[in-house]
Amino acid sequence: MEIFEKARSFLRSRSRAYSLTFSPENQAARIVLEDLAKFCRANDSTFHADERIHAALEGRREVWLRICHHIKLNPDQLWKVYGRKDIE
């Protein structure tokens, strides 16, 4: 079980790093998040008739969701998203 505690500890540490980097108190972080929200289509559909463009837009959105997960979810919730689901 030690390996799973190390993995959870790693997720906690990474979550803290994201939270510090994208702190809402930090004006620069807010500016970057606003820009990324637009670029990554945080609130828009990623559908495009061209499959290649659609795939690129989905990739951008995946990055946005990862950032959001790490700054909004607690370590236990992150474990459910990124950890091994067949354990517990």
N, C-alpha and C. Protein backbone atom coordinates (compact mmCIF):
# COMPACT_ATOMS: atom_id res chain seq x y z
N MET A 1 0.80 -1.20 0.00
CA MET A 1 0.00 0.00 0.00
C MET A 1 0.85 1.27 0.00
N GLU A 2 2.10 1.16 0.33
CA GLU A 2 2.95 2.34 0.40
C GLU A 2 3.00 3.08 -0.93
N ILE A 3 3.00 2.36 -2.03
CA ILE A 3 3.06 2.99 -3.35
C ILE A 3 1.83 3.88 -3.59
N PHE A 4 0.68 3.47 -3.06
CA PHE A 4 -0.53 4.25 -3.25
C PHE A 4 -0.52 5.52 -2.40
N GLU A 5 0.06 5.42 -1.22
CA GLU A 5 0.20 6.61 -0.39
C GLU A 5 1.18 7.59 -1.03
N LYS A 6 2.23 7.07 -1.66
CA LYS A 6 3.17 7.94 -2.38
C LYS A 6 2.46 8.63 -3.54
N ALA A 7 1.61 7.88 -4.24
CA ALA A 7 0.88 8.46 -5.37
C ALA A 7 -0.08 9.55 -4.88
N ARG A 8 -0.77 9.29 -3.80
CA ARG A 8 -1.68 10.29 -3.24
C ARG A 8 -0.91 11.52 -2.77
N SER A 9 0.23 11.29 -2.15
CA SER A 9 1.07 12.40 -1.70
C SER A 9 1.54 13.23 -2.89
N PHE A 10 1.90 12.55 -3.96
CA PHE A 10 2.30 13.25 -5.18
C PHE A 10 1.17 14.10 -5.72
N LEU A 11 -0.06 13.57 -5.74
CA LEU A 11 -1.21 14.34 -6.21
C LEU A 11 -1.47 15.55 -5.31
N ARG A 12 -1.33 15.37 -4.00
CA ARG A 12 -1.50 16.50 -3.08
C ARG A 12 -0.48 17.59 -3.38
N SER A 13 0.76 17.18 -3.58
CA SER A 13 1.84 18.12 -3.85
C SER A 13 1.60 18.85 -5.18
N ARG A 14 1.21 18.11 -6.19
CA ARG A 14 0.96 18.72 -7.50
C ARG A 14 -0.24 19.66 -7.43
N SER A 15 -1.27 19.27 -6.70
CA SER A 15 -2.45 20.12 -6.53
C SER A 15 -2.05 21.44 -5.87
N ARG A 16 -1.22 21.36 -4.87
CA ARG A 16 -0.75 22.57 -4.17
C ARG A 16 0.04 23.47 -5.13
N ALA A 17 0.87 22.86 -5.96
CA ALA A 17 1.66 23.64 -6.92
C ALA A 17 0.74 24.36 -7.92
N TYR A 18 -0.28 23.66 -8.41
CA TYR A 18 -1.24 24.30 -9.31
C TYR A 18 -1.96 25.44 -8.59
N SER A 19 -2.39 25.18 -7.37
CA SER A 19 -3.13 26.21 -6.61
C SER A 19 -2.28 27.45 -6.35
N LEU A 20 -1.01 27.26 -6.06
CA LEU A 20 -0.12 28.40 -5.86
C LEU A 20 0.12 29.15 -7.17
N THR A 21 0.30 28.42 -8.24
CA THR A 21 0.56 29.02 -9.54
C THR A 21 -0.64 29.81 -10.05
N PHE A 22 -1.84 29.26 -9.84
CA PHE A 22 -3.05 29.87 -10.37
C PHE A 22 -3.92 30.47 -9.26
N SER A 23 -3.30 31.01 -8.25
CA SER A 23 -4.02 31.60 -7.12
C SER A 23 -4.88 32.77 -7.58
N PRO A 24 -6.17 32.80 -7.18
CA PRO A 24 -7.04 33.91 -7.58
C PRO A 24 -6.59 35.26 -7.01
N GLU A 25 -5.78 35.25 -5.97
CA GLU A 25 -5.28 36.50 -5.40
C GLU A 25 -4.19 37.12 -6.28
N ASN A 26 -3.61 36.32 -7.17
CA ASN A 26 -2.52 36.75 -8.02
C ASN A 26 -3.09 37.31 -9.33
N GLN A 27 -2.91 38.62 -9.56
CA GLN A 27 -3.48 39.26 -10.75
C GLN A 27 -2.95 38.63 -12.03
N ALA A 28 -1.67 38.33 -12.08
CA ALA A 28 -1.09 37.71 -13.28
C ALA A 28 -1.73 36.35 -13.53
N ALA A 29 -1.96 35.58 -12.47
CA ALA A 29 -2.61 34.27 -12.62
C ALA A 29 -4.02 34.42 -13.17
N ARG A 30 -4.74 35.41 -12.69
CA ARG A 30 -6.11 35.66 -13.19
C ARG A 30 -6.09 35.99 -14.68
N ILE A 31 -5.14 36.81 -15.08
CA ILE A 31 -5.03 37.19 -16.49
C ILE A 31 -4.73 35.96 -17.35
N VAL A 32 -3.81 35.13 -16.88
CA VAL A 32 -3.45 33.91 -17.62
C VAL A 32 -4.65 32.96 -17.70
N LEU A 33 -5.36 32.78 -16.58
CA LEU A 33 -6.52 31.89 -16.60
C LEU A 33 -7.61 32.40 -17.52
N GLU A 34 -7.83 33.70 -17.55
CA GLU A 34 -8.82 34.26 -18.47
C GLU A 34 -8.43 34.00 -19.91
N ASP A 35 -7.15 34.17 -20.22
CA ASP A 35 -6.66 33.92 -21.57
C ASP A 35 -6.80 32.43 -21.92
N LEU A 36 -6.38 31.58 -21.00
CA LEU A 36 -6.48 30.13 -21.26
C LEU A 36 -7.93 29.69 -21.41
N ALA A 37 -8.83 30.28 -20.64
CA ALA A 37 -10.24 29.92 -20.75
C ALA A 37 -10.74 30.17 -22.17
N LYS A 38 -10.35 31.30 -22.74
CA LYS A 38 -10.74 31.59 -24.12
C LYS A 38 -10.06 30.65 -25.10
N PHE A 39 -8.74 30.53 -24.98
CA PHE A 39 -7.97 29.71 -25.90
C PHE A 39 -8.37 28.24 -25.86
N CYS A 40 -8.68 27.75 -24.67
CA CYS A 40 -9.01 26.33 -24.49
C CYS A 40 -10.50 26.04 -24.63
N ARG A 41 -11.28 27.08 -24.93
CA ARG A 41 -12.73 26.93 -25.08
C ARG A 41 -13.36 26.34 -23.83
N ALA A 42 -13.06 26.94 -22.71
CA ALA A 42 -13.55 26.46 -21.43
C ALA A 42 -15.07 26.42 -21.37
N ASN A 43 -15.72 27.37 -22.02
CA ASN A 43 -17.18 27.46 -21.95
C ASN A 43 -17.85 27.34 -23.31
N ASP A 44 -17.11 26.84 -24.28
CA ASP A 44 -17.64 26.71 -25.64
C ASP A 44 -17.48 25.28 -26.13
N SER A 45 -18.27 24.93 -27.11
CA SER A 45 -18.15 23.62 -27.73
C SER A 45 -16.82 23.53 -28.48
N THR A 46 -16.26 22.35 -28.50
CA THR A 46 -15.03 22.13 -29.27
C THR A 46 -15.34 21.48 -30.61
N PHE A 47 -16.60 21.31 -30.93
CA PHE A 47 -16.96 20.67 -32.20
C PHE A 47 -16.47 21.49 -33.38
N HIS A 48 -15.94 20.76 -34.35
CA HIS A 48 -15.59 21.35 -35.64
C HIS A 48 -15.76 20.25 -36.67
N ALA A 49 -16.26 20.59 -37.83
CA ALA A 49 -16.50 19.59 -38.88
C ALA A 49 -15.20 18.92 -39.32
N ASP A 50 -14.11 19.64 -39.30
CA ASP A 50 -12.81 19.07 -39.66
C ASP A 50 -12.29 18.30 -38.44
N GLU A 51 -12.10 17.00 -38.60
CA GLU A 51 -11.69 16.14 -37.48
C GLU A 51 -10.36 16.56 -36.87
N ARG A 52 -9.45 17.03 -37.69
CA ARG A 52 -8.14 17.43 -37.16
C ARG A 52 -8.26 18.67 -36.29
N ILE A 53 -9.05 19.62 -36.73
CA ILE A 53 -9.26 20.83 -35.93
C ILE A 53 -10.01 20.47 -34.66
N HIS A 54 -11.01 19.61 -34.79
CA HIS A 54 -11.77 19.16 -33.61
C HIS A 54 -10.84 18.51 -32.58
N ALA A 55 -9.92 17.65 -33.04
CA ALA A 55 -8.99 16.99 -32.14
C ALA A 55 -8.08 18.00 -31.44
N ALA A 56 -7.62 19.00 -32.17
CA ALA A 56 -6.77 20.03 -31.56
C ALA A 56 -7.54 20.80 -30.49
N LEU A 57 -8.80 21.14 -30.80
CA LEU A 57 -9.61 21.87 -29.83
C LEU A 57 -9.89 21.03 -28.59
N GLU A 58 -10.11 19.74 -28.77
CA GLU A 58 -10.32 18.84 -27.63
C GLU A 58 -9.06 18.77 -26.76
N GLY A 59 -7.90 18.77 -27.40
CA GLY A 59 -6.64 18.77 -26.65
C GLY A 59 -6.49 20.02 -25.79
N ARG A 60 -6.84 21.15 -26.36
CA ARG A 60 -6.80 22.40 -25.59
C ARG A 60 -7.73 22.30 -24.38
N ARG A 61 -8.93 21.80 -24.62
CA ARG A 61 -9.91 21.69 -23.53
C ARG A 61 -9.43 20.73 -22.45
N GLU A 62 -8.76 19.67 -22.85
CA GLU A 62 -8.24 18.71 -21.87
C GLU A 62 -7.23 19.39 -20.93
N VAL A 63 -6.40 20.26 -21.47
CA VAL A 63 -5.45 21.00 -20.64
C VAL A 63 -6.20 21.90 -19.66
N TRP A 64 -7.22 22.60 -20.15
CA TRP A 64 -8.02 23.47 -19.28
C TRP A 64 -8.63 22.67 -18.14
N LEU A 65 -9.21 21.53 -18.46
CA LEU A 65 -9.85 20.71 -17.43
C LEU A 65 -8.83 20.22 -16.40
N ARG A 66 -7.64 19.88 -16.86
CA ARG A 66 -6.60 19.44 -15.92
C ARG A 66 -6.25 20.55 -14.94
N ILE A 67 -6.07 21.76 -15.45
CA ILE A 67 -5.77 22.89 -14.56
C ILE A 67 -6.92 23.09 -13.57
N CYS A 68 -8.14 23.09 -14.07
CA CYS A 68 -9.30 23.28 -13.19
C CYS A 68 -9.40 22.19 -12.14
N HIS A 69 -9.18 20.94 -12.55
CA HIS A 69 -9.22 19.85 -11.57
C HIS A 69 -8.22 20.09 -10.45
N HIS A 70 -7.02 20.48 -10.82
CA HIS A 70 -5.97 20.62 -9.81
C HIS A 70 -6.14 21.84 -8.91
N ILE A 71 -6.89 22.84 -9.35
CA ILE A 71 -7.07 24.00 -8.47
C ILE A 71 -8.41 23.98 -7.75
N LYS A 72 -9.33 23.11 -8.17
CA LYS A 72 -10.66 23.10 -7.56
C LYS A 72 -10.98 21.83 -6.77
N LEU A 73 -10.35 20.72 -7.10
CA LEU A 73 -10.67 19.46 -6.42
C LEU A 73 -9.72 19.22 -5.26
N ASN A 74 -10.22 18.59 -4.22
CA ASN A 74 -9.34 18.23 -3.12
C ASN A 74 -8.56 16.96 -3.50
N PRO A 75 -7.52 16.61 -2.74
CA PRO A 75 -6.69 15.46 -3.10
C PRO A 75 -7.46 14.15 -3.26
N ASP A 76 -8.48 13.92 -2.44
CA ASP A 76 -9.26 12.69 -2.59
C ASP A 76 -10.03 12.68 -3.90
N GLN A 77 -10.57 13.82 -4.28
CA GLN A 77 -11.28 13.91 -5.55
C GLN A 77 -10.31 13.73 -6.72
N LEU A 78 -9.12 14.31 -6.61
CA LEU A 78 -8.10 14.13 -7.65
C LEU A 78 -7.73 12.66 -7.79
N TRP A 79 -7.62 11.98 -6.66
CA TRP A 79 -7.28 10.56 -6.70
C TRP A 79 -8.33 9.79 -7.51
N LYS A 80 -9.59 10.16 -7.35
CA LYS A 80 -10.65 9.47 -8.10
C LYS A 80 -10.56 9.77 -9.60
N VAL A 81 -10.09 10.97 -9.94
CA VAL A 81 -9.98 11.33 -11.36
C VAL A 81 -8.71 10.74 -11.97
N TYR A 82 -7.57 10.84 -11.27
CA TYR A 82 -6.28 10.48 -11.86
C TYR A 82 -5.66 9.22 -11.26
N GLY A 83 -6.17 8.77 -10.13
CA GLY A 83 -5.58 7.59 -9.49
C GLY A 83 -6.10 6.29 -10.08
N ARG A 84 -5.63 5.23 -9.56
CA ARG A 84 -6.09 3.90 -9.99
C ARG A 84 -7.48 3.67 -9.43
N LYS A 85 -8.43 3.49 -10.30
CA LYS A 85 -9.82 3.33 -9.89
C LYS A 85 -10.14 1.91 -9.41
N ASP A 86 -9.29 0.97 -9.75
CA ASP A 86 -9.54 -0.42 -9.36
C ASP A 86 -9.03 -0.74 -7.95
N ILE A 87 -8.52 0.27 -7.28
CA ILE A 87 -8.00 0.10 -5.92
C ILE A 87 -8.86 0.94 -4.99
N GLU A 88 -9.18 0.50 -3.87
CA GLU A 88 -9.96 1.20 -2.84
C GLU A 88 -11.11 0.37 -2.41
